[in-house]
Amino acid sequence: MNDASPDPLAEFRAVNVEGTLRLAQQAVEAGVKQFVFVSSIKVNGERTMPGRPFIEDDPAAPEDPYSISKHEAEVGVRALAAGSGMSVTVVRPPLVYGPGVKANFERMMNWVARGVPLPLGCIENRRSFVGLTNLADLLCLCATHPAAEGRTFLAADGEDLSTTELLLRLGRALGRPARLLPVPPVVLAGCARAIGKAEVAGRLLDSLQVDASAARRILGWKPPRTVDEELEATARHFLATRY
């Protein structure tokens, strides 16, 4: 998010591609039969149209160095494993939250916990998230279920939220009601463009929905925790460590 590298793609490739391929090669040499690679929904793209969530069969459309490196890693691991006897399963999660979450999610919790008035009270986008416990449960299932072999799955909690809804529910979990001002999204977008923060506004205003029904249908997966349960666990850790 605060990348200062003169060549971000090279930096991401060093870890996400080269590091992953080294690990996959060692797995092949060790006789591993099932390799689960955690990729990113950003491989599919940065946003979705209303009612058109991403699915596994959508063509890859990575837009930034991070997502480009993740897509290259997916392709590289599958090519490396071909004919080796090792099967590869790819899981693409959206934003992952849970105890210890960082970056924008932690920033939002700080805003809400401090009672900062936020101009985010009438945003009607839809975004998918996945709690840490739910994602871990899916990864364990992919590592052991025969039907997961060779497939790509998308991960999500199963309940999409608007930015406004997320902040309100975070406030309830934190015990500090979110103070939201009803500023029209078009005004927010215009102000963000004027100060060079269009990408930040996009994360707050755009939709990014994920259809994780394939994992439910093929693997019989059901997220063990609801969104509110995951938010409460996240909030408890945040309050215990920060306040």
C-alpha atoms as a PDB file:
ATOM      1  CA  MET A   1       0.000   0.000   0.000  1.00  0.00           C
ATOM      2  CA  ASN A   2       3.008   2.293   0.589  1.00  0.00           C
ATOM      3  CA  ASP A   3       5.271   0.837  -2.063  1.00  0.00           C
ATOM      4  CA  ALA A   4       8.490   2.824  -2.479  1.00  0.00           C
ATOM      5  CA  SER A   5      10.283   0.330  -4.722  1.00  0.00           C
ATOM      6  CA  PRO A   6      11.433   1.629  -8.132  1.00  0.00           C
ATOM      7  CA  ASP A   7      10.353  -1.725  -9.617  1.00  0.00           C
ATOM      8  CA  PRO A   8       7.410  -3.109  -7.601  1.00  0.00           C
ATOM      9  CA  LEU A   9       6.749  -5.976 -10.021  1.00  0.00           C
ATOM     10  CA  ALA A  10      10.296  -7.299  -9.615  1.00  0.00           C
ATOM     11  CA  GLU A  11       9.945  -7.162  -5.829  1.00  0.00           C
ATOM     12  CA  PHE A  12       6.617  -9.014  -5.867  1.00  0.00           C
ATOM     13  CA  ARG A  13       7.937 -11.592  -8.331  1.00  0.00           C
ATOM     14  CA  ALA A  14      10.914 -12.340  -6.071  1.00  0.00           C
ATOM     15  CA  VAL A  15       8.581 -13.499  -3.295  1.00  0.00           C
ATOM     16  CA  ASN A  16       5.254 -14.411  -4.861  1.00  0.00           C
ATOM     17  CA  VAL A  17       6.621 -16.147  -7.943  1.00  0.00           C
ATOM     18  CA  GLU A  18      10.209 -17.267  -7.314  1.00  0.00           C
ATOM     19  CA  GLY A  19       9.643 -18.095  -3.655  1.00  0.00           C
ATOM     20  CA  THR A  20       6.466 -20.010  -4.399  1.00  0.00           C
ATOM     21  CA  LEU A  21       8.098 -21.986  -7.203  1.00  0.00           C
ATOM     22  CA  ARG A  22      11.034 -22.943  -4.960  1.00  0.00           C
ATOM     23  CA  LEU A  23       8.612 -24.212  -2.337  1.00  0.00           C
ATOM     24  CA  ALA A  24       6.596 -26.095  -4.945  1.00  0.00           C
ATOM     25  CA  GLN A  25       9.753 -27.705  -6.335  1.00  0.00           C
ATOM     26  CA  GLN A  26      10.746 -28.835  -2.838  1.00  0.00           C
ATOM     27  CA  ALA A  27       7.225 -30.215  -2.364  1.00  0.00           C
ATOM     28  CA  VAL A  28       7.526 -32.245  -5.565  1.00  0.00           C
ATOM     29  CA  GLU A  29      10.915 -33.591  -4.465  1.00  0.00           C
ATOM     30  CA  ALA A  30       9.484 -34.529  -1.058  1.00  0.00           C
ATOM     31  CA  GLY A  31       6.641 -36.484  -2.655  1.00  0.00           C
ATOM     32  CA  VAL A  32       3.845 -34.113  -1.629  1.00  0.00           C
ATOM     33  CA  LYS A  33       0.584 -35.149  -3.290  1.00  0.00           C
ATOM     34  CA  GLN A  34      -1.557 -32.056  -2.727  1.00  0.00           C
ATOM     35  CA  PHE A  35      -0.243 -28.469  -2.892  1.00  0.00           C
ATOM     36  CA  VAL A  36      -2.643 -25.651  -1.885  1.00  0.00           C
ATOM     37  CA  PHE A  37      -1.639 -22.200  -3.118  1.00  0.00           C
ATOM     38  CA  VAL A  38      -3.269 -19.111  -1.616  1.00  0.00           C
ATOM     39  CA  SER A  39      -3.581 -16.598  -4.429  1.00  0.00           C
ATOM     40  CA  SER A  40      -5.815 -13.492  -4.482  1.00  0.00           C
ATOM     41  CA  ILE A  41      -9.178 -12.472  -5.903  1.00  0.00           C
ATOM     42  CA  LYS A  42      -7.271  -9.551  -7.429  1.00  0.00           C
ATOM     43  CA  VAL A  43      -6.201 -12.047 -10.101  1.00  0.00           C
ATOM     44  CA  ASN A  44      -9.793 -11.826 -11.337  1.00  0.00           C
ATOM     45  CA  GLY A  45      -9.829  -8.024 -11.204  1.00  0.00           C
ATOM     46  CA  GLU A  46     -10.350  -5.044  -8.933  1.00  0.00           C
ATOM     47  CA  ARG A  47     -14.119  -4.564  -9.105  1.00  0.00           C
ATOM     48  CA  THR A  48     -17.376  -6.188 -10.187  1.00  0.00           C
ATOM     49  CA  MET A  49     -20.576  -4.918 -11.731  1.00  0.00           C
ATOM     50  CA  PRO A  50     -23.773  -5.110  -9.633  1.00  0.00           C
ATOM     51  CA  GLY A  51     -25.094  -8.669  -9.559  1.00  0.00           C
ATOM     52  CA  ARG A  52     -22.063 -10.032 -11.455  1.00  0.00           C
ATOM     53  CA  PRO A  53     -19.751 -11.590  -8.858  1.00  0.00           C
ATOM     54  CA  PHE A  54     -16.459 -13.127  -9.864  1.00  0.00           C
ATOM     55  CA  ILE A  55     -16.461 -16.878 -10.498  1.00  0.00           C
ATOM     56  CA  GLU A  56     -13.593 -19.342 -10.919  1.00  0.00           C
ATOM     57  CA  ASP A  57     -13.953 -19.502 -14.706  1.00  0.00           C
ATOM     58  CA  ASP A  58     -13.660 -15.757 -15.301  1.00  0.00           C
ATOM     59  CA  PRO A  59     -10.589 -14.841 -17.362  1.00  0.00           C
ATOM     60  CA  ALA A  60      -7.708 -13.493 -15.318  1.00  0.00           C
ATOM     61  CA  ALA A  61      -7.515  -9.696 -15.335  1.00  0.00           C
ATOM     62  CA  PRO A  62      -4.814  -8.622 -12.843  1.00  0.00           C
ATOM     63  CA  GLU A  63      -4.175  -4.878 -12.831  1.00  0.00           C
ATOM     64  CA  ASP A  64      -1.332  -4.154 -10.402  1.00  0.00           C
ATOM     65  CA  PRO A  65       2.116  -5.668  -9.706  1.00  0.00           C
ATOM     66  CA  TYR A  66       0.862  -7.698  -6.736  1.00  0.00           C
ATOM     67  CA  SER A  67      -1.988  -9.379  -8.626  1.00  0.00           C
ATOM     68  CA  ILE A  68       0.166  -9.883 -11.727  1.00  0.00           C
ATOM     69  CA  SER A  69       2.727 -11.739  -9.599  1.00  0.00           C
ATOM     70  CA  LYS A  70       0.021 -13.870  -7.990  1.00  0.00           C
ATOM     71  CA  HIS A  71      -1.336 -14.875 -11.399  1.00  0.00           C
ATOM     72  CA  GLU A  72       2.157 -15.718 -12.638  1.00  0.00           C
ATOM     73  CA  ALA A  73       2.663 -17.860  -9.543  1.00  0.00           C
ATOM     74  CA  GLU A  74      -0.581 -19.760 -10.225  1.00  0.00           C
ATOM     75  CA  VAL A  75       0.514 -20.495 -13.793  1.00  0.00           C
ATOM     76  CA  GLY A  76       4.055 -21.374 -12.733  1.00  0.00           C
ATOM     77  CA  VAL A  77       3.059 -23.785  -9.971  1.00  0.00           C
ATOM     78  CA  ARG A  78       0.630 -25.650 -12.210  1.00  0.00           C
ATOM     79  CA  ALA A  79       3.279 -25.934 -14.942  1.00  0.00           C
ATOM     80  CA  LEU A  80       5.896 -27.136 -12.465  1.00  0.00           C
ATOM     81  CA  ALA A  81       3.555 -29.749 -11.016  1.00  0.00           C
ATOM     82  CA  ALA A  82       2.380 -31.073 -14.381  1.00  0.00           C
ATOM     83  CA  GLY A  83       3.394 -34.724 -14.707  1.00  0.00           C
ATOM     84  CA  SER A  84       5.005 -34.786 -11.273  1.00  0.00           C
ATOM     85  CA  GLY A  85       2.284 -36.633  -9.385  1.00  0.00           C
ATOM     86  CA  MET A  86       1.570 -33.534  -7.276  1.00  0.00           C
ATOM     87  CA  SER A  87      -1.852 -31.934  -7.622  1.00  0.00           C
ATOM     88  CA  VAL A  88      -2.313 -28.173  -7.207  1.00  0.00           C
ATOM     89  CA  THR A  89      -5.348 -26.420  -5.763  1.00  0.00           C
ATOM     90  CA  VAL A  90      -5.574 -22.632  -5.985  1.00  0.00           C
ATOM     91  CA  VAL A  91      -7.676 -20.589  -3.557  1.00  0.00           C
ATOM     92  CA  ARG A  92      -8.367 -16.924  -4.300  1.00  0.00           C
ATOM     93  CA  PRO A  93      -9.629 -15.017  -1.245  1.00  0.00           C
ATOM     94  CA  PRO A  94     -10.818 -11.409  -1.161  1.00  0.00           C
ATOM     95  CA  LEU A  95      -9.806  -9.189   1.773  1.00  0.00           C
ATOM     96  CA  VAL A  96      -9.005 -11.430   4.749  1.00  0.00           C
ATOM     97  CA  TYR A  97      -9.811 -10.087   8.216  1.00  0.00           C
ATOM     98  CA  GLY A  98      -9.416 -11.508  11.694  1.00  0.00           C
ATOM     99  CA  PRO A  99      -7.362 -11.032  14.867  1.00  0.00           C
ATOM    100  CA  GLY A 100      -4.231  -9.076  13.990  1.00  0.00           C
ATOM    101  CA  VAL A 101      -5.539  -7.730  10.663  1.00  0.00           C
ATOM    102  CA  LYS A 102      -3.509  -4.811   9.292  1.00  0.00           C
ATOM    103  CA  ALA A 103      -3.689  -2.208   6.523  1.00  0.00           C
ATOM    104  CA  ASN A 104      -7.027  -0.629   5.582  1.00  0.00           C
ATOM    105  CA  PHE A 105      -9.149  -2.868   7.809  1.00  0.00           C
ATOM    106  CA  GLU A 106      -7.135  -1.952  10.891  1.00  0.00           C
ATOM    107  CA  ARG A 107      -7.330   1.698   9.853  1.00  0.00           C
ATOM    108  CA  MET A 108     -11.128   1.500   9.716  1.00  0.00           C
ATOM    109  CA  MET A 109     -11.257  -0.045  13.186  1.00  0.00           C
ATOM    110  CA  ASN A 110      -9.063   2.774  14.486  1.00  0.00           C
ATOM    111  CA  TRP A 111     -11.415   5.364  12.999  1.00  0.00           C
ATOM    112  CA  VAL A 112     -14.478   3.745  14.515  1.00  0.00           C
ATOM    113  CA  ALA A 113     -12.881   3.097  17.904  1.00  0.00           C
ATOM    114  CA  ARG A 114     -11.767   6.734  18.177  1.00  0.00           C
ATOM    115  CA  GLY A 115     -15.199   8.053  17.211  1.00  0.00           C
ATOM    116  CA  VAL A 116     -13.945   9.808  14.087  1.00  0.00           C
ATOM    117  CA  PRO A 117     -16.863  11.117  11.950  1.00  0.00           C
ATOM    118  CA  LEU A 118     -16.666   9.413   8.563  1.00  0.00           C
ATOM    119  CA  PRO A 119     -18.406  10.600   5.355  1.00  0.00           C
ATOM    120  CA  LEU A 120     -19.354   7.019   4.500  1.00  0.00           C
ATOM    121  CA  GLY A 121     -22.974   6.807   5.619  1.00  0.00           C
ATOM    122  CA  CYS A 122     -24.757   6.159   2.320  1.00  0.00           C
ATOM    123  CA  ILE A 123     -22.546   3.838   0.266  1.00  0.00           C
ATOM    124  CA  GLU A 124     -24.515   1.047  -1.429  1.00  0.00           C
ATOM    125  CA  ASN A 125     -21.726  -1.040  -2.918  1.00  0.00           C
ATOM    126  CA  ARG A 126     -21.355  -4.768  -2.238  1.00  0.00           C
ATOM    127  CA  ARG A 127     -18.072  -6.334  -1.195  1.00  0.00           C
ATOM    128  CA  SER A 128     -17.143  -9.882  -0.241  1.00  0.00           C
ATOM    129  CA  PHE A 129     -14.762 -10.629   2.617  1.00  0.00           C
ATOM    130  CA  VAL A 130     -13.500 -13.795   4.265  1.00  0.00           C
ATOM    131  CA  GLY A 131     -12.716 -14.219   7.944  1.00  0.00           C
ATOM    132  CA  LEU A 132      -9.435 -15.816   8.938  1.00  0.00           C
ATOM    133  CA  THR A 133     -11.081 -18.821  10.602  1.00  0.00           C
ATOM    134  CA  ASN A 134     -13.308 -19.420   7.589  1.00  0.00           C
ATOM    135  CA  LEU A 135     -10.389 -19.220   5.156  1.00  0.00           C
ATOM    136  CA  ALA A 136      -8.252 -21.572   7.258  1.00  0.00           C
ATOM    137  CA  ASP A 137     -11.119 -24.060   7.341  1.00  0.00           C
ATOM    138  CA  LEU A 138     -11.404 -24.002   3.540  1.00  0.00           C
ATOM    139  CA  LEU A 139      -7.634 -24.409   3.078  1.00  0.00           C
ATOM    140  CA  CYS A 140      -7.577 -27.454   5.343  1.00  0.00           C
ATOM    141  CA  LEU A 141     -10.444 -28.967   3.387  1.00  0.00           C
ATOM    142  CA  CYS A 142      -8.687 -28.314   0.071  1.00  0.00           C
ATOM    143  CA  ALA A 143      -5.575 -30.044   1.390  1.00  0.00           C
ATOM    144  CA  THR A 144      -7.468 -33.259   2.150  1.00  0.00           C
ATOM    145  CA  HIS A 145     -10.516 -33.488  -0.124  1.00  0.00           C
ATOM    146  CA  PRO A 146      -9.950 -35.545  -3.313  1.00  0.00           C
ATOM    147  CA  ALA A 147     -12.416 -33.380  -5.260  1.00  0.00           C
ATOM    148  CA  ALA A 148     -10.235 -30.313  -4.687  1.00  0.00           C
ATOM    149  CA  GLU A 149      -7.369 -31.688  -6.777  1.00  0.00           C
ATOM    150  CA  GLY A 150      -6.483 -29.496  -9.737  1.00  0.00           C
ATOM    151  CA  ARG A 151      -9.223 -26.942  -9.087  1.00  0.00           C
ATOM    152  CA  THR A 152      -9.425 -23.230  -8.397  1.00  0.00           C
ATOM    153  CA  PHE A 153     -11.802 -22.032  -5.694  1.00  0.00           C
ATOM    154  CA  LEU A 154     -12.901 -18.581  -4.596  1.00  0.00           C
ATOM    155  CA  ALA A 155     -13.360 -17.949  -0.886  1.00  0.00           C
ATOM    156  CA  ALA A 156     -15.889 -15.728   0.894  1.00  0.00           C
ATOM    157  CA  ASP A 157     -17.928 -15.602   4.084  1.00  0.00           C
ATOM    158  CA  GLY A 158     -21.166 -15.813   2.101  1.00  0.00           C
ATOM    159  CA  GLU A 159     -22.563 -12.420   3.149  1.00  0.00           C
ATOM    160  CA  ASP A 160     -21.620  -9.371   1.115  1.00  0.00           C
ATOM    161  CA  LEU A 161     -21.575  -5.988   2.856  1.00  0.00           C
ATOM    162  CA  SER A 162     -21.529  -2.379   1.755  1.00  0.00           C
ATOM    163  CA  THR A 163     -18.812  -0.168   3.200  1.00  0.00           C
ATOM    164  CA  THR A 164     -21.514   1.497   5.302  1.00  0.00           C
ATOM    165  CA  GLU A 165     -22.780  -1.841   6.638  1.00  0.00           C
ATOM    166  CA  LEU A 166     -19.258  -3.008   7.421  1.00  0.00           C
ATOM    167  CA  LEU A 167     -18.521   0.108   9.479  1.00  0.00           C
ATOM    168  CA  LEU A 168     -21.827  -0.147  11.359  1.00  0.00           C
ATOM    169  CA  ARG A 169     -21.202  -3.786  12.242  1.00  0.00           C
ATOM    170  CA  LEU A 170     -17.610  -3.062  13.174  1.00  0.00           C
ATOM    171  CA  GLY A 171     -18.952  -0.411  15.525  1.00  0.00           C
ATOM    172  CA  ARG A 172     -21.258  -2.921  17.186  1.00  0.00           C
ATOM    173  CA  ALA A 173     -18.395  -5.411  17.543  1.00  0.00           C
ATOM    174  CA  LEU A 174     -16.171  -2.731  19.055  1.00  0.00           C
ATOM    175  CA  GLY A 175     -18.900  -1.400  21.341  1.00  0.00           C
ATOM    176  CA  ARG A 176     -18.355   2.055  19.843  1.00  0.00           C
ATOM    177  CA  PRO A 177     -21.090   3.018  17.363  1.00  0.00           C
ATOM    178  CA  ALA A 178     -19.715   4.227  14.052  1.00  0.00           C
ATOM    179  CA  ARG A 179     -20.286   7.939  13.415  1.00  0.00           C
ATOM    180  CA  LEU A 180     -21.225   8.059   9.727  1.00  0.00           C
ATOM    181  CA  LEU A 181     -22.170  11.142   7.726  1.00  0.00           C
ATOM    182  CA  PRO A 182     -24.453  10.678   4.662  1.00  0.00           C
ATOM    183  CA  VAL A 183     -22.195  12.136   1.959  1.00  0.00           C
ATOM    184  CA  PRO A 184     -23.195  11.043  -1.583  1.00  0.00           C
ATOM    185  CA  PRO A 185     -20.667   8.649  -3.163  1.00  0.00           C
ATOM    186  CA  VAL A 186     -20.342  10.850  -6.262  1.00  0.00           C
ATOM    187  CA  VAL A 187     -19.118  13.697  -4.051  1.00  0.00           C
ATOM    188  CA  LEU A 188     -16.618  11.401  -2.315  1.00  0.00           C
ATOM    189  CA  ALA A 189     -15.319  10.127  -5.653  1.00  0.00           C
ATOM    190  CA  GLY A 190     -14.903  13.655  -7.004  1.00  0.00           C
ATOM    191  CA  CYS A 191     -13.053  14.866  -3.920  1.00  0.00           C
ATOM    192  CA  ALA A 192     -10.788  11.790  -3.981  1.00  0.00           C
ATOM    193  CA  ARG A 193      -9.864  12.394  -7.626  1.00  0.00           C
ATOM    194  CA  ALA A 194      -9.111  16.047  -6.877  1.00  0.00           C
ATOM    195  CA  ILE A 195      -6.527  15.121  -4.222  1.00  0.00           C
ATOM    196  CA  GLY A 196      -5.046  12.180  -6.103  1.00  0.00           C
ATOM    197  CA  LYS A 197      -6.709   9.462  -3.981  1.00  0.00           C
ATOM    198  CA  ALA A 198      -8.938   7.833  -6.587  1.00  0.00           C
ATOM    199  CA  GLU A 199      -7.601   4.341  -5.789  1.00  0.00           C
ATOM    200  CA  VAL A 200      -8.429   4.751  -2.097  1.00  0.00           C
ATOM    201  CA  ALA A 201     -11.944   5.886  -2.975  1.00  0.00           C
ATOM    202  CA  GLY A 202     -12.335   2.885  -5.252  1.00  0.00           C
ATOM    203  CA  ARG A 203     -11.723   0.499  -2.363  1.00  0.00           C
ATOM    204  CA  LEU A 204     -14.451   2.232  -0.362  1.00  0.00           C
ATOM    205  CA  LEU A 205     -16.985   2.847  -3.127  1.00  0.00           C
ATOM    206  CA  ASP A 206     -16.610   0.075  -5.729  1.00  0.00           C
ATOM    207  CA  SER A 207     -18.186  -3.368  -5.511  1.00  0.00           C
ATOM    208  CA  LEU A 208     -16.134  -6.564  -5.452  1.00  0.00           C
ATOM    209  CA  GLN A 209     -18.310  -9.643  -5.062  1.00  0.00           C
ATOM    210  CA  VAL A 210     -17.133 -13.236  -4.992  1.00  0.00           C
ATOM    211  CA  ASP A 211     -19.217 -16.314  -5.771  1.00  0.00           C
ATOM    212  CA  ALA A 212     -17.800 -19.053  -3.553  1.00  0.00           C
ATOM    213  CA  SER A 213     -20.580 -21.530  -4.302  1.00  0.00           C
ATOM    214  CA  ALA A 214     -18.229 -23.947  -6.106  1.00  0.00           C
ATOM    215  CA  ALA A 215     -16.428 -24.761  -2.844  1.00  0.00           C
ATOM    216  CA  ARG A 216     -19.780 -25.353  -1.159  1.00  0.00           C
ATOM    217  CA  ARG A 217     -21.092 -27.499  -3.996  1.00  0.00           C
ATOM    218  CA  ILE A 218     -17.977 -29.545  -4.796  1.00  0.00           C
ATOM    219  CA  LEU A 219     -16.390 -29.834  -1.354  1.00  0.00           C
ATOM    220  CA  GLY A 220     -19.455 -29.479   0.848  1.00  0.00           C
ATOM    221  CA  TRP A 221     -17.736 -26.530   2.519  1.00  0.00           C
ATOM    222  CA  LYS A 222     -19.641 -24.302   4.886  1.00  0.00           C
ATOM    223  CA  PRO A 223     -17.951 -21.364   6.642  1.00  0.00           C
ATOM    224  CA  PRO A 224     -17.816 -22.325  10.341  1.00  0.00           C
ATOM    225  CA  ARG A 225     -18.287 -18.715  11.503  1.00  0.00           C
ATOM    226  CA  THR A 226     -20.745 -15.990  10.579  1.00  0.00           C
ATOM    227  CA  VAL A 227     -19.552 -12.526   9.606  1.00  0.00           C
ATOM    228  CA  ASP A 228     -20.559 -11.120  12.989  1.00  0.00           C
ATOM    229  CA  GLU A 229     -18.687 -13.874  14.837  1.00  0.00           C
ATOM    230  CA  GLU A 230     -15.556 -13.155  12.819  1.00  0.00           C
ATOM    231  CA  LEU A 231     -15.925  -9.396  13.363  1.00  0.00           C
ATOM    232  CA  GLU A 232     -16.343  -9.901  17.108  1.00  0.00           C
ATOM    233  CA  ALA A 233     -13.153 -11.988  17.287  1.00  0.00           C
ATOM    234  CA  THR A 234     -11.326  -9.332  15.273  1.00  0.00           C
ATOM    235  CA  ALA A 235     -12.620  -6.548  17.523  1.00  0.00           C
ATOM    236  CA  ARG A 236     -11.727  -8.383  20.743  1.00  0.00           C
ATOM    237  CA  HIS A 237      -8.126  -8.780  19.645  1.00  0.00           C
ATOM    238  CA  PHE A 238      -7.939  -5.165  18.479  1.00  0.00           C
ATOM    239  CA  LEU A 239      -9.284  -3.813  21.771  1.00  0.00           C
ATOM    240  CA  ALA A 240      -7.088  -6.105  23.861  1.00  0.00           C
ATOM    241  CA  THR A 241      -3.909  -5.076  22.057  1.00  0.00           C
ATOM    242  CA  ARG A 242      -4.589  -1.394  21.368  1.00  0.00           C
ATOM    243  CA  TYR A 243      -6.753  -0.187  24.224  1.00  0.00           C
END
